């Protein structure tokens, strides 16, 4: 019995934060200055797209298509070996 390995169990991350916790996080950045607005946009992008922090930090302007509202991630930036496209919402 000593050599028996435990099976890995998937962790359910679908409900990591409550709605109130998300609202509180989004209230933190001061959207009236550049840095606060940048942080707010980064948080929204992470929440809406499911990007990992390192994927967000590795984005370049050429990866973002504002006209078609797409963000393209290459295989070298993500754990899977294909290109991923994320449609981001239109901010009004």
N, C-alpha and C. Protein backbone atom coordinates (compact mmCIF):
# COMPACT_ATOMS: atom_id res chain seq x y z
N UNK A 1 0.81 -1.21 0.00
CA UNK A 1 0.00 0.00 0.00
C UNK A 1 0.85 1.27 0.00
N UNK A 2 2.11 1.18 0.34
CA UNK A 2 2.97 2.36 0.39
C UNK A 2 3.19 2.93 -1.01
N UNK A 3 3.25 2.09 -2.03
CA UNK A 3 3.54 2.53 -3.39
C UNK A 3 2.31 2.94 -4.18
N UNK A 4 1.16 3.03 -3.55
CA UNK A 4 -0.07 3.42 -4.24
C UNK A 4 -0.09 4.94 -4.39
N UNK A 5 -0.25 5.40 -5.63
CA UNK A 5 -0.29 6.83 -5.89
C UNK A 5 -1.73 7.32 -5.89
N UNK A 6 -1.94 8.47 -5.34
CA UNK A 6 -3.26 9.08 -5.35
C UNK A 6 -3.52 9.69 -6.72
N UNK A 7 -4.75 9.59 -7.18
CA UNK A 7 -5.13 10.21 -8.44
C UNK A 7 -5.26 11.71 -8.25
N UNK A 8 -4.85 12.46 -9.27
CA UNK A 8 -5.03 13.90 -9.23
C UNK A 8 -6.50 14.22 -9.43
N UNK A 9 -6.99 15.16 -8.67
CA UNK A 9 -8.37 15.58 -8.83
C UNK A 9 -8.40 16.98 -9.40
N UNK A 10 -9.29 17.19 -10.35
CA UNK A 10 -9.45 18.53 -10.92
C UNK A 10 -10.02 19.46 -9.87
N UNK A 11 -9.52 20.68 -9.87
CA UNK A 11 -10.03 21.69 -8.95
C UNK A 11 -11.07 22.52 -9.70
N UNK A 12 -12.23 22.67 -9.11
CA UNK A 12 -13.29 23.46 -9.72
C UNK A 12 -13.04 24.93 -9.43
N UNK A 13 -12.65 25.68 -10.46
CA UNK A 13 -12.35 27.10 -10.30
C UNK A 13 -13.47 27.99 -10.83
N UNK A 14 -14.61 27.42 -11.13
CA UNK A 14 -15.68 28.21 -11.74
C UNK A 14 -16.28 29.22 -10.77
N UNK A 15 -16.19 28.98 -9.49
CA UNK A 15 -16.78 29.90 -8.52
C UNK A 15 -15.73 30.36 -7.51
N UNK A 16 -14.64 30.88 -8.01
CA UNK A 16 -13.57 31.33 -7.11
C UNK A 16 -13.97 32.55 -6.30
N UNK A 17 -14.63 33.49 -6.94
CA UNK A 17 -15.01 34.75 -6.28
C UNK A 17 -16.52 34.89 -6.27
N UNK A 18 -17.02 35.49 -5.21
CA UNK A 18 -18.44 35.84 -5.19
C UNK A 18 -18.62 37.13 -5.99
N UNK A 19 -19.85 37.45 -6.32
CA UNK A 19 -20.12 38.70 -7.04
C UNK A 19 -19.66 39.91 -6.23
N UNK A 20 -19.87 39.87 -4.94
CA UNK A 20 -19.46 40.99 -4.08
C UNK A 20 -17.94 41.14 -4.06
N UNK A 21 -17.22 40.03 -4.03
CA UNK A 21 -15.76 40.10 -4.04
C UNK A 21 -15.25 40.70 -5.34
N UNK A 22 -15.87 40.34 -6.46
CA UNK A 22 -15.46 40.90 -7.75
C UNK A 22 -15.76 42.39 -7.79
N UNK A 23 -16.93 42.79 -7.30
CA UNK A 23 -17.26 44.22 -7.27
C UNK A 23 -16.27 44.99 -6.41
N UNK A 24 -15.86 44.40 -5.31
CA UNK A 24 -14.89 45.07 -4.42
C UNK A 24 -13.53 45.22 -5.10
N UNK A 25 -13.09 44.20 -5.80
CA UNK A 25 -11.82 44.28 -6.53
C UNK A 25 -11.90 45.35 -7.61
N UNK A 26 -13.02 45.43 -8.32
CA UNK A 26 -13.17 46.42 -9.39
C UNK A 26 -13.30 47.84 -8.86
N UNK A 27 -13.66 48.01 -7.60
CA UNK A 27 -13.75 49.35 -7.01
C UNK A 27 -12.37 49.89 -6.59
N UNK A 28 -11.37 49.02 -6.52
CA UNK A 28 -10.07 49.42 -5.99
C UNK A 28 -9.30 50.40 -6.90
N UNK A 29 -9.16 50.12 -8.18
CA UNK A 29 -8.36 51.05 -9.01
C UNK A 29 -9.06 52.41 -9.16
N UNK A 30 -8.28 53.48 -9.07
CA UNK A 30 -8.78 54.83 -9.29
C UNK A 30 -8.82 55.06 -10.81
N UNK A 31 -10.00 54.98 -11.40
CA UNK A 31 -10.13 55.07 -12.85
C UNK A 31 -9.95 56.49 -13.38
N UNK A 32 -9.71 57.45 -12.52
CA UNK A 32 -9.53 58.82 -12.97
C UNK A 32 -8.10 59.13 -13.36
N UNK A 33 -7.17 58.24 -13.06
CA UNK A 33 -5.79 58.45 -13.52
C UNK A 33 -5.37 57.27 -14.42
N UNK A 34 -4.27 57.46 -15.12
CA UNK A 34 -3.83 56.49 -16.13
C UNK A 34 -3.57 55.12 -15.51
N UNK A 35 -2.82 55.07 -14.43
CA UNK A 35 -2.44 53.79 -13.82
C UNK A 35 -3.66 53.05 -13.29
N UNK A 36 -4.57 53.76 -12.64
CA UNK A 36 -5.77 53.13 -12.13
C UNK A 36 -6.65 52.59 -13.24
N UNK A 37 -6.79 53.36 -14.32
CA UNK A 37 -7.61 52.90 -15.44
C UNK A 37 -6.96 51.69 -16.12
N UNK A 38 -5.63 51.75 -16.26
CA UNK A 38 -4.90 50.61 -16.83
C UNK A 38 -5.14 49.35 -16.00
N UNK A 39 -5.05 49.48 -14.68
CA UNK A 39 -5.27 48.34 -13.79
C UNK A 39 -6.70 47.81 -13.90
N UNK A 40 -7.67 48.72 -13.98
CA UNK A 40 -9.07 48.33 -14.12
C UNK A 40 -9.28 47.53 -15.41
N UNK A 41 -8.72 48.01 -16.51
CA UNK A 41 -8.85 47.32 -17.79
C UNK A 41 -8.18 45.95 -17.72
N UNK A 42 -7.02 45.86 -17.09
CA UNK A 42 -6.33 44.57 -16.96
C UNK A 42 -7.17 43.58 -16.15
N UNK A 43 -7.75 44.05 -15.05
CA UNK A 43 -8.59 43.18 -14.22
C UNK A 43 -9.80 42.71 -15.01
N UNK A 44 -10.45 43.62 -15.73
CA UNK A 44 -11.61 43.25 -16.53
C UNK A 44 -11.24 42.23 -17.60
N UNK A 45 -10.08 42.42 -18.23
CA UNK A 45 -9.64 41.49 -19.27
C UNK A 45 -9.38 40.10 -18.67
N UNK A 46 -8.74 40.07 -17.51
CA UNK A 46 -8.49 38.78 -16.84
C UNK A 46 -9.79 38.08 -16.50
N UNK A 47 -10.74 38.82 -15.95
CA UNK A 47 -12.02 38.23 -15.55
C UNK A 47 -12.86 37.79 -16.74
N UNK A 48 -12.91 38.61 -17.79
CA UNK A 48 -13.77 38.32 -18.93
C UNK A 48 -13.22 37.24 -19.85
N UNK A 49 -11.91 37.17 -19.98
CA UNK A 49 -11.32 36.26 -20.97
C UNK A 49 -10.78 34.98 -20.37
N UNK A 50 -10.46 34.99 -19.08
CA UNK A 50 -9.83 33.82 -18.49
C UNK A 50 -8.34 33.75 -18.74
N UNK A 51 -7.77 34.84 -19.23
CA UNK A 51 -6.33 34.88 -19.43
C UNK A 51 -5.61 34.68 -18.10
N UNK A 52 -4.43 34.10 -18.16
CA UNK A 52 -3.57 34.03 -16.98
C UNK A 52 -2.77 35.34 -16.92
N UNK A 53 -2.28 35.66 -15.74
CA UNK A 53 -1.54 36.91 -15.54
C UNK A 53 -0.33 36.98 -16.46
N UNK A 54 0.42 35.89 -16.60
CA UNK A 54 1.61 35.92 -17.46
C UNK A 54 1.24 36.10 -18.93
N UNK A 55 0.06 35.61 -19.34
CA UNK A 55 -0.40 35.82 -20.71
C UNK A 55 -0.74 37.29 -20.93
N UNK A 56 -1.36 37.91 -19.95
CA UNK A 56 -1.68 39.33 -20.04
C UNK A 56 -0.40 40.16 -20.14
N UNK A 57 0.58 39.82 -19.31
CA UNK A 57 1.83 40.59 -19.29
C UNK A 57 2.66 40.41 -20.55
N UNK A 58 2.43 39.31 -21.27
CA UNK A 58 3.22 39.07 -22.48
C UNK A 58 2.54 39.60 -23.75
N UNK A 59 1.38 40.23 -23.61
CA UNK A 59 0.69 40.78 -24.78
C UNK A 59 1.47 41.95 -25.38
N UNK A 60 1.41 42.04 -26.69
CA UNK A 60 1.98 43.17 -27.44
C UNK A 60 0.85 43.82 -28.22
N UNK A 61 1.06 45.04 -28.66
CA UNK A 61 0.01 45.75 -29.39
C UNK A 61 -0.40 45.01 -30.66
N UNK A 62 0.54 44.29 -31.28
CA UNK A 62 0.21 43.54 -32.51
C UNK A 62 -0.73 42.36 -32.22
N UNK A 63 -0.83 41.94 -30.97
CA UNK A 63 -1.70 40.83 -30.59
C UNK A 63 -3.16 41.27 -30.43
N UNK A 64 -3.40 42.57 -30.41
CA UNK A 64 -4.73 43.09 -30.13
C UNK A 64 -5.30 43.74 -31.39
N UNK A 65 -6.44 43.24 -31.83
CA UNK A 65 -7.13 43.78 -33.00
C UNK A 65 -8.37 44.52 -32.49
N UNK A 66 -8.27 45.83 -32.33
CA UNK A 66 -9.37 46.62 -31.78
C UNK A 66 -10.56 46.68 -32.72
N UNK A 67 -10.30 46.70 -34.02
CA UNK A 67 -11.39 46.80 -34.99
C UNK A 67 -12.30 45.57 -34.93
N UNK A 68 -11.71 44.38 -34.85
CA UNK A 68 -12.50 43.15 -34.80
C UNK A 68 -12.69 42.63 -33.37
N UNK A 69 -12.12 43.34 -32.39
CA UNK A 69 -12.25 43.01 -30.97
C UNK A 69 -11.71 41.62 -30.64
N UNK A 70 -10.51 41.31 -31.15
CA UNK A 70 -9.87 40.03 -30.89
C UNK A 70 -8.51 40.22 -30.26
N UNK A 71 -8.17 39.29 -29.37
CA UNK A 71 -6.82 39.19 -28.83
C UNK A 71 -6.30 37.83 -29.25
N UNK A 72 -5.14 37.81 -29.88
CA UNK A 72 -4.55 36.57 -30.35
C UNK A 72 -3.37 36.20 -29.47
N UNK A 73 -3.37 34.96 -29.00
CA UNK A 73 -2.24 34.45 -28.23
C UNK A 73 -1.62 33.30 -29.01
N UNK A 74 -0.32 33.36 -29.19
CA UNK A 74 0.38 32.28 -29.88
C UNK A 74 0.67 31.13 -28.93
N UNK A 75 0.99 29.98 -29.48
CA UNK A 75 1.27 28.79 -28.69
C UNK A 75 2.42 28.95 -27.73
N UNK A 76 3.39 29.81 -28.07
CA UNK A 76 4.53 29.99 -27.17
C UNK A 76 4.16 30.77 -25.92
N UNK A 77 3.03 31.44 -25.92
CA UNK A 77 2.61 32.24 -24.78
C UNK A 77 1.63 31.50 -23.87
N UNK A 78 1.07 30.44 -24.38
CA UNK A 78 0.08 29.70 -23.58
C UNK A 78 0.50 28.24 -23.49
N UNK A 79 -0.09 27.52 -22.58
CA UNK A 79 0.32 26.14 -22.33
C UNK A 79 -0.06 25.19 -23.46
N UNK A 80 -1.02 25.55 -24.27
CA UNK A 80 -1.42 24.68 -25.36
C UNK A 80 -0.75 25.15 -26.64
N UNK A 81 -0.61 24.27 -27.59
CA UNK A 81 0.23 24.53 -28.75
C UNK A 81 -0.53 25.07 -29.96
N UNK A 82 -1.62 25.73 -29.78
CA UNK A 82 -2.33 26.34 -30.90
C UNK A 82 -2.62 27.80 -30.58
N UNK A 83 -3.06 28.53 -31.57
CA UNK A 83 -3.39 29.93 -31.36
C UNK A 83 -4.77 30.04 -30.73
N UNK A 84 -4.87 30.89 -29.74
CA UNK A 84 -6.16 31.13 -29.09
C UNK A 84 -6.62 32.53 -29.42
N UNK A 85 -7.90 32.66 -29.69
CA UNK A 85 -8.50 33.97 -29.96
C UNK A 85 -9.51 34.28 -28.88
N UNK A 86 -9.45 35.48 -28.34
CA UNK A 86 -10.40 35.90 -27.33
C UNK A 86 -11.15 37.10 -27.85
N UNK A 87 -12.45 37.02 -27.85
CA UNK A 87 -13.30 38.14 -28.24
C UNK A 87 -13.55 38.98 -27.00
N UNK A 88 -13.19 40.26 -27.05
CA UNK A 88 -13.44 41.08 -25.87
C UNK A 88 -14.66 41.97 -26.10
N UNK A 89 -15.37 42.27 -25.02
CA UNK A 89 -16.62 43.03 -25.16
C UNK A 89 -16.37 44.47 -25.58
N UNK A 90 -17.34 45.04 -26.23
CA UNK A 90 -17.28 46.42 -26.65
C UNK A 90 -17.60 47.30 -25.46
N UNK A 91 -16.67 48.16 -25.06
CA UNK A 91 -16.86 49.06 -23.91
C UNK A 91 -17.61 50.29 -24.38
N UNK A 92 -18.65 50.63 -23.66
CA UNK A 92 -19.46 51.78 -24.07
C UNK A 92 -19.25 52.94 -23.12
